[in-house]
Structure formats: C-alpha cells, structure tokens
C-alpha cells in the first residue's frame, strides 16, 4: 500500500516541478526527528537538569535547527564535509550577551553532535546502531554527572574580592568562599571582572546536600 501511495505521489503530485511529498523520506524525517528530540530531552532534563531556562531554550532550538539543516541539505549530497563544516562553525560560537561556562558549552556541543549524527546517518547504519550511538552518549554523560559526581550543583555569584582570584591564591579563595557561604566549594570558574568596583562574576560548584 505504501509503495502504491509513494508511486502515485512521485508521479502525480508536484508543485513547481518539486514533489509535494515523498512518503518514504518524510517518514524517515519524522522518525529521526523524534529520536533526536527524545535524546535532547534526556540530555537536558535527565542528565544536566539545568535551572537556566535560557540555556534550555538554546539547546532545544539549536538541536532542531542543526538536525533539519543536516537532514534536508544532506539530501543534496553535501553529507560528511557539510556536517564537519557546520559543526566547526557552531564550535566557534561566542555569546557576548552572557557568560557561558565550559560545562554549558560542552552540553551545547553534545546536542549539536547528536543532531548531526541522527540527521546524516545513512542507510549503511542500521537503526540498532543509531539507537546504540545515542544511548551510549547519554549513558556516558549520565554516568559522569549522576554516579561519579552526584549532587554537584553550580551557582553564579558576584564576588567582591578580586585579589583572591589570582591563580596563586586558589586555596585562600576557597577558604573565603567556604567561610562566607557555609558550604564546601568543589570548584570555581571566573567570569567577567570589574576592577573598578573590585568585583567579579564567578560560578561556584558544590554538593547540593551541603546547602540544605
């Protein structure tokens, strides 16, 4: 039945010499897009679980955009070269309006990479292999985030002692933060520094149960 519909569609329904619908390709698009969306949801909400809604929006939007670009333009035989070029372009993205941590950029690369894989995997790659590739990425990230270092949270704060941000004063910085916040800070990343106001935007990483 599907073959009959496909044959009729290919021969009869065209607009400006372009097929109105290709049942086989459209079904493939819907299935792959569903897999990609599911993987993006798992990465964003089950592994990362970020409370920053603006980054969540970015992950979903870029994932869908990259997937559709790769899938639709992949049909014109750009394939691997195009995918690598697109990945490189997004790899040098710099958001000037807000600070993006290395961790958030890593998750951005992950959702882009998954979108490229799901869009450009050709018929030589079975569905089982495609599902395994997606599951492997999600599994590795889940293992790293939820098993090896469970409960590690992050918080952006404005810090008012720029002198302690020097690399030689790392221990003093941690001691000061621990004393002020009453938690055991695991790591710190430094953002924008305002030397005039003697303040800086930093991100601290700590275990969730320690802040209760």
Foldseek 3Di string as FASTA:
>chain_A
DLVVVQVCQVPPADDPNHGPDRVVLVVLLVVLVVVLQVLLCCCDCVQVNDPPVVLNVVLNVLLVVLLVCLQVVVVVVPAPVVLVVVLVVLLPDDDPVDDDDPVSSVSSSVSNVLSNLSRRDDPVQDPVNNSVVSVVVSVVSNCVDPPVPRQKDKDKDKAQALVCVDPVNVVVVQVVCCVVQVFRWDDKDWDDADVVRSITIMMTIGGRVRND
